Amino acid sequence: MLSTGDVHGHLRKLEKFLRLIKYPGNVDYNGLSKGDPSAFLPIVNFTFTSFSPPFAEQLVAAGLELTGKTDLRFIDTLYKALRDIFNYKPILTKQQFLQWGFSQRKISVICDIIDLVLQRHSQLKKPRVRCPTSHRDGRGEGHPTLTDADTVLGKPFVVNHIENPSSFPTHSSHAEALASHFVTCTSHDEVHSSSSSENRIIEQAEGEEDEDNILHVNTHHISIQSNQ
């Protein structure tokens, strides 16, 4: 026979789990310590049907409805859910659970059940990964969002963004300045080339004139010699 201290120790453990699931009902500690089934069934019912809506939906989807049943039907479905969903086998048979006594074992089973549902609730409430959505730039054009998979695989991905011209400098003014500088340099080169060409023409003309003068002098000199 279990000692009173052992039962109280298990009750304190159960009390902690009840605080975790925020059990709203009255707890019959006297009935729990004696193994009264009517003290355990409301706790199990709340844990499976009310504490975690996602888990309750999972039970319904699996065809394991627990509401509106007799105690025997309820325990039968409960044990089936523990076996199929959690792969858990209680240390008590269904008949033993519905009998008086076995208080410590019943408390231990209830603690295990609450712990299993808490873990499943944490898994079900995790945020799901969103599908990549598109965002729109200033022109209303949609662009796909870069996903983690694209980052890991190192795929090139280019997104055109329209920046606010008042906030960020653009390259248009720089390009215009370069174009203006290029035109100025081109004009200067053209003027320089034109001046060089004119100078060469003038020099050539002057050279030809000098040659004509020399030829004229030589001719005049020969003519004088002939007259003499």
C-alpha atoms as a PDB file:
ATOM      1  CA  MET A   1       0.000   0.000   0.000  1.00  0.00           C
ATOM      2  CA  LEU A   2       1.289   3.442  -0.930  1.00  0.00           C
ATOM      3  CA  SER A   3       2.135   5.870   1.829  1.00  0.00           C
ATOM      4  CA  THR A   4       0.407   9.217   2.192  1.00  0.00           C
ATOM      5  CA  GLY A   5       3.678  11.017   1.497  1.00  0.00           C
ATOM      6  CA  ASP A   6       4.053   9.311  -1.899  1.00  0.00           C
ATOM      7  CA  VAL A   7       0.524  10.301  -2.915  1.00  0.00           C
ATOM      8  CA  HIS A   8       1.051  13.903  -1.819  1.00  0.00           C
ATOM      9  CA  GLY A   9       4.304  14.063  -3.787  1.00  0.00           C
ATOM     10  CA  HIS A  10       2.503  12.976  -6.947  1.00  0.00           C
ATOM     11  CA  LEU A  11      -0.300  15.444  -6.234  1.00  0.00           C
ATOM     12  CA  ARG A  12       2.210  18.301  -6.064  1.00  0.00           C
ATOM     13  CA  LYS A  13       3.608  17.213  -9.423  1.00  0.00           C
ATOM     14  CA  LEU A  14       0.102  17.103 -10.887  1.00  0.00           C
ATOM     15  CA  GLU A  15      -0.624  20.542  -9.453  1.00  0.00           C
ATOM     16  CA  LYS A  16       2.324  21.996 -11.396  1.00  0.00           C
ATOM     17  CA  PHE A  17       1.025  20.499 -14.638  1.00  0.00           C
ATOM     18  CA  LEU A  18      -2.448  21.870 -13.945  1.00  0.00           C
ATOM     19  CA  ARG A  19      -0.966  25.352 -13.639  1.00  0.00           C
ATOM     20  CA  LEU A  20       0.818  24.892 -16.970  1.00  0.00           C
ATOM     21  CA  ILE A  21      -2.427  24.136 -18.796  1.00  0.00           C
ATOM     22  CA  LYS A  22      -4.315  26.724 -16.701  1.00  0.00           C
ATOM     23  CA  TYR A  23      -6.939  24.231 -15.644  1.00  0.00           C
ATOM     24  CA  PRO A  24     -10.043  26.289 -14.763  1.00  0.00           C
ATOM     25  CA  GLY A  25     -12.043  23.660 -12.889  1.00  0.00           C
ATOM     26  CA  ASN A  26     -12.097  22.744  -9.239  1.00  0.00           C
ATOM     27  CA  VAL A  27      -9.610  20.055  -8.295  1.00  0.00           C
ATOM     28  CA  ASP A  28     -10.906  17.334  -5.965  1.00  0.00           C
ATOM     29  CA  TYR A  29      -7.642  16.534  -4.186  1.00  0.00           C
ATOM     30  CA  ASN A  30      -9.433  14.258  -1.751  1.00  0.00           C
ATOM     31  CA  GLY A  31     -10.922  12.232  -4.611  1.00  0.00           C
ATOM     32  CA  LEU A  32      -7.561  12.166  -6.418  1.00  0.00           C
ATOM     33  CA  SER A  33      -5.792  10.821  -3.336  1.00  0.00           C
ATOM     34  CA  LYS A  34      -8.372   8.017  -3.091  1.00  0.00           C
ATOM     35  CA  GLY A  35      -8.322   7.158  -6.798  1.00  0.00           C
ATOM     36  CA  ASP A  36     -11.877   8.327  -7.527  1.00  0.00           C
ATOM     37  CA  PRO A  37     -12.368   8.164 -11.337  1.00  0.00           C
ATOM     38  CA  SER A  38     -14.759  11.132 -11.267  1.00  0.00           C
ATOM     39  CA  ALA A  39     -11.893  13.320  -9.973  1.00  0.00           C
ATOM     40  CA  PHE A  40      -9.594  12.378 -12.886  1.00  0.00           C
ATOM     41  CA  LEU A  41     -11.938  12.359 -15.878  1.00  0.00           C
ATOM     42  CA  PRO A  42     -12.651  16.148 -15.964  1.00  0.00           C
ATOM     43  CA  ILE A  43      -8.893  16.878 -16.013  1.00  0.00           C
ATOM     44  CA  VAL A  44      -8.307  14.475 -18.909  1.00  0.00           C
ATOM     45  CA  ASN A  45     -11.324  15.842 -20.773  1.00  0.00           C
ATOM     46  CA  PHE A  46     -10.082  19.456 -20.511  1.00  0.00           C
ATOM     47  CA  THR A  47      -6.547  18.469 -21.522  1.00  0.00           C
ATOM     48  CA  PHE A  48      -7.693  16.690 -24.688  1.00  0.00           C
ATOM     49  CA  THR A  49     -10.632  18.836 -25.811  1.00  0.00           C
ATOM     50  CA  SER A  50     -10.182  22.414 -24.527  1.00  0.00           C
ATOM     51  CA  PHE A  51      -6.565  23.234 -23.704  1.00  0.00           C
ATOM     52  CA  SER A  52      -5.189  23.097 -27.250  1.00  0.00           C
ATOM     53  CA  PRO A  53      -7.601  23.853 -30.124  1.00  0.00           C
ATOM     54  CA  PRO A  54      -5.039  22.719 -32.745  1.00  0.00           C
ATOM     55  CA  PHE A  55      -4.648  19.385 -30.966  1.00  0.00           C
ATOM     56  CA  ALA A  56      -8.422  19.032 -30.603  1.00  0.00           C
ATOM     57  CA  GLU A  57      -8.757  19.585 -34.361  1.00  0.00           C
ATOM     58  CA  GLN A  58      -6.137  16.911 -34.951  1.00  0.00           C
ATOM     59  CA  LEU A  59      -8.143  14.465 -32.855  1.00  0.00           C
ATOM     60  CA  VAL A  60     -11.334  15.201 -34.798  1.00  0.00           C
ATOM     61  CA  ALA A  61      -9.485  14.844 -38.112  1.00  0.00           C
ATOM     62  CA  ALA A  62      -8.227  11.437 -36.946  1.00  0.00           C
ATOM     63  CA  GLY A  63     -11.773  10.366 -36.025  1.00  0.00           C
ATOM     64  CA  LEU A  64     -11.052  10.456 -32.291  1.00  0.00           C
ATOM     65  CA  GLU A  65     -13.974  12.496 -30.997  1.00  0.00           C
ATOM     66  CA  LEU A  66     -14.084  12.630 -27.184  1.00  0.00           C
ATOM     67  CA  THR A  67     -17.092  14.840 -26.501  1.00  0.00           C
ATOM     68  CA  GLY A  68     -20.573  13.541 -25.774  1.00  0.00           C
ATOM     69  CA  LYS A  69     -19.478  10.070 -24.689  1.00  0.00           C
ATOM     70  CA  THR A  70     -20.045   7.915 -21.648  1.00  0.00           C
ATOM     71  CA  ASP A  71     -17.140   7.323 -19.274  1.00  0.00           C
ATOM     72  CA  LEU A  72     -16.437   3.915 -20.804  1.00  0.00           C
ATOM     73  CA  ARG A  73     -16.536   5.245 -24.384  1.00  0.00           C
ATOM     74  CA  PHE A  74     -14.433   8.220 -23.353  1.00  0.00           C
ATOM     75  CA  ILE A  75     -11.701   6.055 -21.817  1.00  0.00           C
ATOM     76  CA  ASP A  76     -11.778   3.706 -24.800  1.00  0.00           C
ATOM     77  CA  THR A  77     -11.215   6.607 -27.243  1.00  0.00           C
ATOM     78  CA  LEU A  78      -8.633   8.151 -24.906  1.00  0.00           C
ATOM     79  CA  TYR A  79      -6.516   5.006 -24.848  1.00  0.00           C
ATOM     80  CA  LYS A  80      -6.790   4.690 -28.622  1.00  0.00           C
ATOM     81  CA  ALA A  81      -5.570   8.286 -29.059  1.00  0.00           C
ATOM     82  CA  LEU A  82      -2.668   7.699 -26.674  1.00  0.00           C
ATOM     83  CA  ARG A  83      -1.676   4.624 -28.654  1.00  0.00           C
ATOM     84  CA  ASP A  84      -2.118   5.969 -32.197  1.00  0.00           C
ATOM     85  CA  ILE A  85      -0.952   9.572 -31.782  1.00  0.00           C
ATOM     86  CA  PHE A  86       1.608   9.376 -28.986  1.00  0.00           C
ATOM     87  CA  ASN A  87       2.568   5.695 -29.080  1.00  0.00           C
ATOM     88  CA  TYR A  88       1.968   5.709 -25.324  1.00  0.00           C
ATOM     89  CA  LYS A  89       0.608   2.804 -23.317  1.00  0.00           C
ATOM     90  CA  PRO A  90      -0.700   3.640 -19.811  1.00  0.00           C
ATOM     91  CA  ILE A  91       0.389   1.507 -16.887  1.00  0.00           C
ATOM     92  CA  LEU A  92      -3.292   0.949 -16.039  1.00  0.00           C
ATOM     93  CA  THR A  93      -5.900  -0.888 -18.047  1.00  0.00           C
ATOM     94  CA  LYS A  94      -9.108   0.880 -18.999  1.00  0.00           C
ATOM     95  CA  GLN A  95     -11.021  -1.090 -16.372  1.00  0.00           C
ATOM     96  CA  GLN A  96      -8.510  -0.173 -13.660  1.00  0.00           C
ATOM     97  CA  PHE A  97      -8.715   3.493 -14.566  1.00  0.00           C
ATOM     98  CA  LEU A  98     -12.490   3.457 -14.070  1.00  0.00           C
ATOM     99  CA  GLN A  99     -12.221   1.730 -10.691  1.00  0.00           C
ATOM    100  CA  TRP A 100     -11.510   3.235  -7.294  1.00  0.00           C
ATOM    101  CA  GLY A 101      -7.944   3.030  -6.097  1.00  0.00           C
ATOM    102  CA  PHE A 102      -4.612   3.050  -7.953  1.00  0.00           C
ATOM    103  CA  SER A 103      -4.370   6.720  -7.029  1.00  0.00           C
ATOM    104  CA  GLN A 104      -0.603   7.088  -7.492  1.00  0.00           C
ATOM    105  CA  ARG A 105      -0.624   5.298 -10.844  1.00  0.00           C
ATOM    106  CA  LYS A 106      -3.589   7.323 -12.027  1.00  0.00           C
ATOM    107  CA  ILE A 107      -1.881  10.563 -11.025  1.00  0.00           C
ATOM    108  CA  SER A 108       1.261   9.441 -12.856  1.00  0.00           C
ATOM    109  CA  VAL A 109      -0.761   8.654 -16.000  1.00  0.00           C
ATOM    110  CA  ILE A 110      -2.505  12.040 -15.852  1.00  0.00           C
ATOM    111  CA  CYS A 111       0.864  13.813 -15.548  1.00  0.00           C
ATOM    112  CA  ASP A 112       2.169  11.888 -18.568  1.00  0.00           C
ATOM    113  CA  ILE A 113      -0.936  12.760 -20.583  1.00  0.00           C
ATOM    114  CA  ILE A 114      -0.661  16.481 -19.809  1.00  0.00           C
ATOM    115  CA  ASP A 115       3.043  16.456 -20.676  1.00  0.00           C
ATOM    116  CA  LEU A 116       2.395  14.756 -24.033  1.00  0.00           C
ATOM    117  CA  VAL A 117      -0.338  17.229 -24.968  1.00  0.00           C
ATOM    118  CA  LEU A 118       1.867  20.179 -23.974  1.00  0.00           C
ATOM    119  CA  GLN A 119       4.620  18.961 -26.282  1.00  0.00           C
ATOM    120  CA  ARG A 120       2.217  18.388 -29.168  1.00  0.00           C
ATOM    121  CA  HIS A 121       0.648  21.810 -28.608  1.00  0.00           C
ATOM    122  CA  SER A 122       4.082  23.442 -28.865  1.00  0.00           C
ATOM    123  CA  GLN A 123       4.715  21.622 -32.146  1.00  0.00           C
ATOM    124  CA  LEU A 124       1.355  22.541 -33.652  1.00  0.00           C
ATOM    125  CA  LYS A 125       1.494  26.238 -32.796  1.00  0.00           C
ATOM    126  CA  LYS A 126       4.888  26.805 -34.464  1.00  0.00           C
ATOM    127  CA  PRO A 127       4.554  29.342 -37.294  1.00  0.00           C
ATOM    128  CA  ARG A 128       4.436  27.773 -40.707  1.00  0.00           C
ATOM    129  CA  VAL A 129       6.918  28.768 -43.384  1.00  0.00           C
ATOM    130  CA  ARG A 130       5.324  31.263 -45.711  1.00  0.00           C
ATOM    131  CA  CYS A 131       5.431  30.827 -49.435  1.00  0.00           C
ATOM    132  CA  PRO A 132       7.526  33.468 -51.191  1.00  0.00           C
ATOM    133  CA  THR A 133       5.389  36.491 -51.978  1.00  0.00           C
ATOM    134  CA  SER A 134       5.984  39.300 -54.401  1.00  0.00           C
ATOM    135  CA  HIS A 135       6.486  42.947 -53.597  1.00  0.00           C
ATOM    136  CA  ARG A 136       5.866  45.891 -55.841  1.00  0.00           C
ATOM    137  CA  ASP A 137       8.192  48.716 -56.652  1.00  0.00           C
ATOM    138  CA  GLY A 138       7.290  52.322 -57.320  1.00  0.00           C
ATOM    139  CA  ARG A 139       6.112  51.479 -60.851  1.00  0.00           C
ATOM    140  CA  GLY A 140       3.689  48.820 -59.604  1.00  0.00           C
ATOM    141  CA  GLU A 141       5.770  45.987 -60.995  1.00  0.00           C
ATOM    142  CA  GLY A 142       5.858  42.799 -58.930  1.00  0.00           C
ATOM    143  CA  HIS A 143       9.134  41.176 -57.977  1.00  0.00           C
ATOM    144  CA  PRO A 144       9.483  37.750 -56.263  1.00  0.00           C
ATOM    145  CA  THR A 145      10.945  37.742 -52.791  1.00  0.00           C
ATOM    146  CA  LEU A 146      14.370  36.143 -52.320  1.00  0.00           C
ATOM    147  CA  THR A 147      14.042  32.923 -50.352  1.00  0.00           C
ATOM    148  CA  ASP A 148      16.541  31.162 -48.117  1.00  0.00           C
ATOM    149  CA  ALA A 149      16.861  28.380 -50.681  1.00  0.00           C
ATOM    150  CA  ASP A 150      17.965  30.897 -53.307  1.00  0.00           C
ATOM    151  CA  THR A 151      20.551  32.253 -50.876  1.00  0.00           C
ATOM    152  CA  VAL A 152      21.931  28.803 -50.028  1.00  0.00           C
ATOM    153  CA  LEU A 153      22.086  27.685 -53.652  1.00  0.00           C
ATOM    154  CA  GLY A 154      23.726  30.939 -54.637  1.00  0.00           C
ATOM    155  CA  LYS A 155      21.424  31.551 -57.588  1.00  0.00           C
ATOM    156  CA  PRO A 156      21.808  35.003 -59.178  1.00  0.00           C
ATOM    157  CA  PHE A 157      18.803  37.096 -58.418  1.00  0.00           C
ATOM    158  CA  VAL A 158      18.384  40.688 -59.552  1.00  0.00           C
ATOM    159  CA  VAL A 159      15.696  42.974 -58.232  1.00  0.00           C
ATOM    160  CA  ASN A 160      15.131  46.443 -59.650  1.00  0.00           C
ATOM    161  CA  HIS A 161      14.424  49.021 -56.998  1.00  0.00           C
ATOM    162  CA  ILE A 162      13.284  52.616 -57.509  1.00  0.00           C
ATOM    163  CA  GLU A 163      15.095  54.762 -54.972  1.00  0.00           C
ATOM    164  CA  ASN A 164      13.851  58.122 -53.771  1.00  0.00           C
ATOM    165  CA  PRO A 165      15.815  60.748 -55.749  1.00  0.00           C
ATOM    166  CA  SER A 166      15.647  63.166 -52.843  1.00  0.00           C
ATOM    167  CA  SER A 167      17.264  60.650 -50.513  1.00  0.00           C
ATOM    168  CA  PHE A 168      19.931  59.022 -52.668  1.00  0.00           C
ATOM    169  CA  PRO A 169      22.261  60.496 -55.351  1.00  0.00           C
ATOM    170  CA  THR A 170      21.733  59.284 -58.897  1.00  0.00           C
ATOM    171  CA  HIS A 171      24.235  58.760 -61.685  1.00  0.00           C
ATOM    172  CA  SER A 172      22.379  60.923 -64.214  1.00  0.00           C
ATOM    173  CA  SER A 173      24.102  64.185 -63.227  1.00  0.00           C
ATOM    174  CA  HIS A 174      27.490  62.479 -63.305  1.00  0.00           C
ATOM    175  CA  ALA A 175      26.752  61.005 -66.724  1.00  0.00           C
ATOM    176  CA  GLU A 176      25.632  64.403 -68.012  1.00  0.00           C
ATOM    177  CA  ALA A 177      28.832  65.986 -66.711  1.00  0.00           C
ATOM    178  CA  LEU A 178      30.922  63.347 -68.435  1.00  0.00           C
ATOM    179  CA  ALA A 179      28.992  63.836 -71.675  1.00  0.00           C
ATOM    180  CA  SER A 180      29.451  67.612 -71.485  1.00  0.00           C
ATOM    181  CA  HIS A 181      33.155  67.178 -70.806  1.00  0.00           C
ATOM    182  CA  PHE A 182      33.414  64.812 -73.755  1.00  0.00           C
ATOM    183  CA  VAL A 183      31.696  67.311 -76.070  1.00  0.00           C
ATOM    184  CA  THR A 184      33.958  70.123 -74.842  1.00  0.00           C
ATOM    185  CA  CYS A 185      37.078  68.043 -75.387  1.00  0.00           C
ATOM    186  CA  THR A 186      35.855  67.031 -78.828  1.00  0.00           C
ATOM    187  CA  SER A 187      35.183  70.649 -79.812  1.00  0.00           C
ATOM    188  CA  HIS A 188      38.595  71.687 -78.524  1.00  0.00           C
ATOM    189  CA  ASP A 189      40.265  68.913 -80.504  1.00  0.00           C
ATOM    190  CA  GLU A 190      38.351  69.924 -83.613  1.00  0.00           C
ATOM    191  CA  VAL A 191      39.386  73.604 -83.214  1.00  0.00           C
ATOM    192  CA  HIS A 192      42.971  72.580 -82.579  1.00  0.00           C
ATOM    193  CA  SER A 193      42.913  70.289 -85.610  1.00  0.00           C
ATOM    194  CA  SER A 194      41.399  73.030 -87.777  1.00  0.00           C
ATOM    195  CA  SER A 195      43.983  75.572 -86.627  1.00  0.00           C
ATOM    196  CA  SER A 196      46.799  73.131 -87.301  1.00  0.00           C
ATOM    197  CA  SER A 197      45.479  72.475 -90.799  1.00  0.00           C
ATOM    198  CA  GLU A 198      45.224  76.201 -91.539  1.00  0.00           C
ATOM    199  CA  ASN A 199      48.755  76.780 -90.256  1.00  0.00           C
ATOM    200  CA  ARG A 200      50.070  74.002 -92.469  1.00  0.00           C
ATOM    201  CA  ILE A 201      48.295  75.499 -95.513  1.00  0.00           C
ATOM    202  CA  ILE A 202      49.687  78.979 -94.768  1.00  0.00           C
ATOM    203  CA  GLU A 203      53.197  77.588 -94.294  1.00  0.00           C
ATOM    204  CA  GLN A 204      52.895  75.650 -97.525  1.00  0.00           C
ATOM    205  CA  ALA A 205      51.688  78.737 -99.379  1.00  0.00           C
ATOM    206  CA  GLU A 206      54.505  80.821 -97.956  1.00  0.00           C
ATOM    207  CA  GLY A 207      56.989  78.158 -99.006  1.00  0.00           C
ATOM    208  CA  GLU A 208      55.646  78.137-102.540  1.00  0.00           C
ATOM    209  CA  GLU A 209      55.781  81.961-102.619  1.00  0.00           C
ATOM    210  CA  ASP A 210      59.412  81.887-101.507  1.00  0.00           C
ATOM    211  CA  GLU A 211      60.217  79.397-104.233  1.00  0.00           C
ATOM    212  CA  ASP A 212      58.530  81.678-106.808  1.00  0.00           C
ATOM    213  CA  ASN A 213      60.527  84.646-105.553  1.00  0.00           C
ATOM    214  CA  ILE A 214      63.785  82.728-105.763  1.00  0.00           C
ATOM    215  CA  LEU A 215      62.929  81.518-109.251  1.00  0.00           C
ATOM    216  CA  HIS A 216      62.028  85.072-110.304  1.00  0.00           C
ATOM    217  CA  VAL A 217      65.328  86.447-108.956  1.00  0.00           C
ATOM    218  CA  ASN A 218      67.330  83.770-110.705  1.00  0.00           C
ATOM    219  CA  THR A 219      65.537  84.423-113.987  1.00  0.00           C
ATOM    220  CA  HIS A 220      66.088  88.157-113.673  1.00  0.00           C
ATOM    221  CA  HIS A 221      69.780  87.596-112.938  1.00  0.00           C
ATOM    222  CA  ILE A 222      70.209  85.387-116.001  1.00  0.00           C
ATOM    223  CA  SER A 223      68.448  87.980-118.149  1.00  0.00           C
ATOM    224  CA  ILE A 224      70.838  90.711-117.022  1.00  0.00           C
ATOM    225  CA  GLN A 225      73.849  88.558-117.791  1.00  0.00           C
ATOM    226  CA  SER A 226      72.541  87.882-121.292  1.00  0.00           C
ATOM    227  CA  ASN A 227      72.116  91.589-122.007  1.00  0.00           C
ATOM    228  CA  GLN A 228      75.632  92.274-120.917  1.00  0.00           C
END
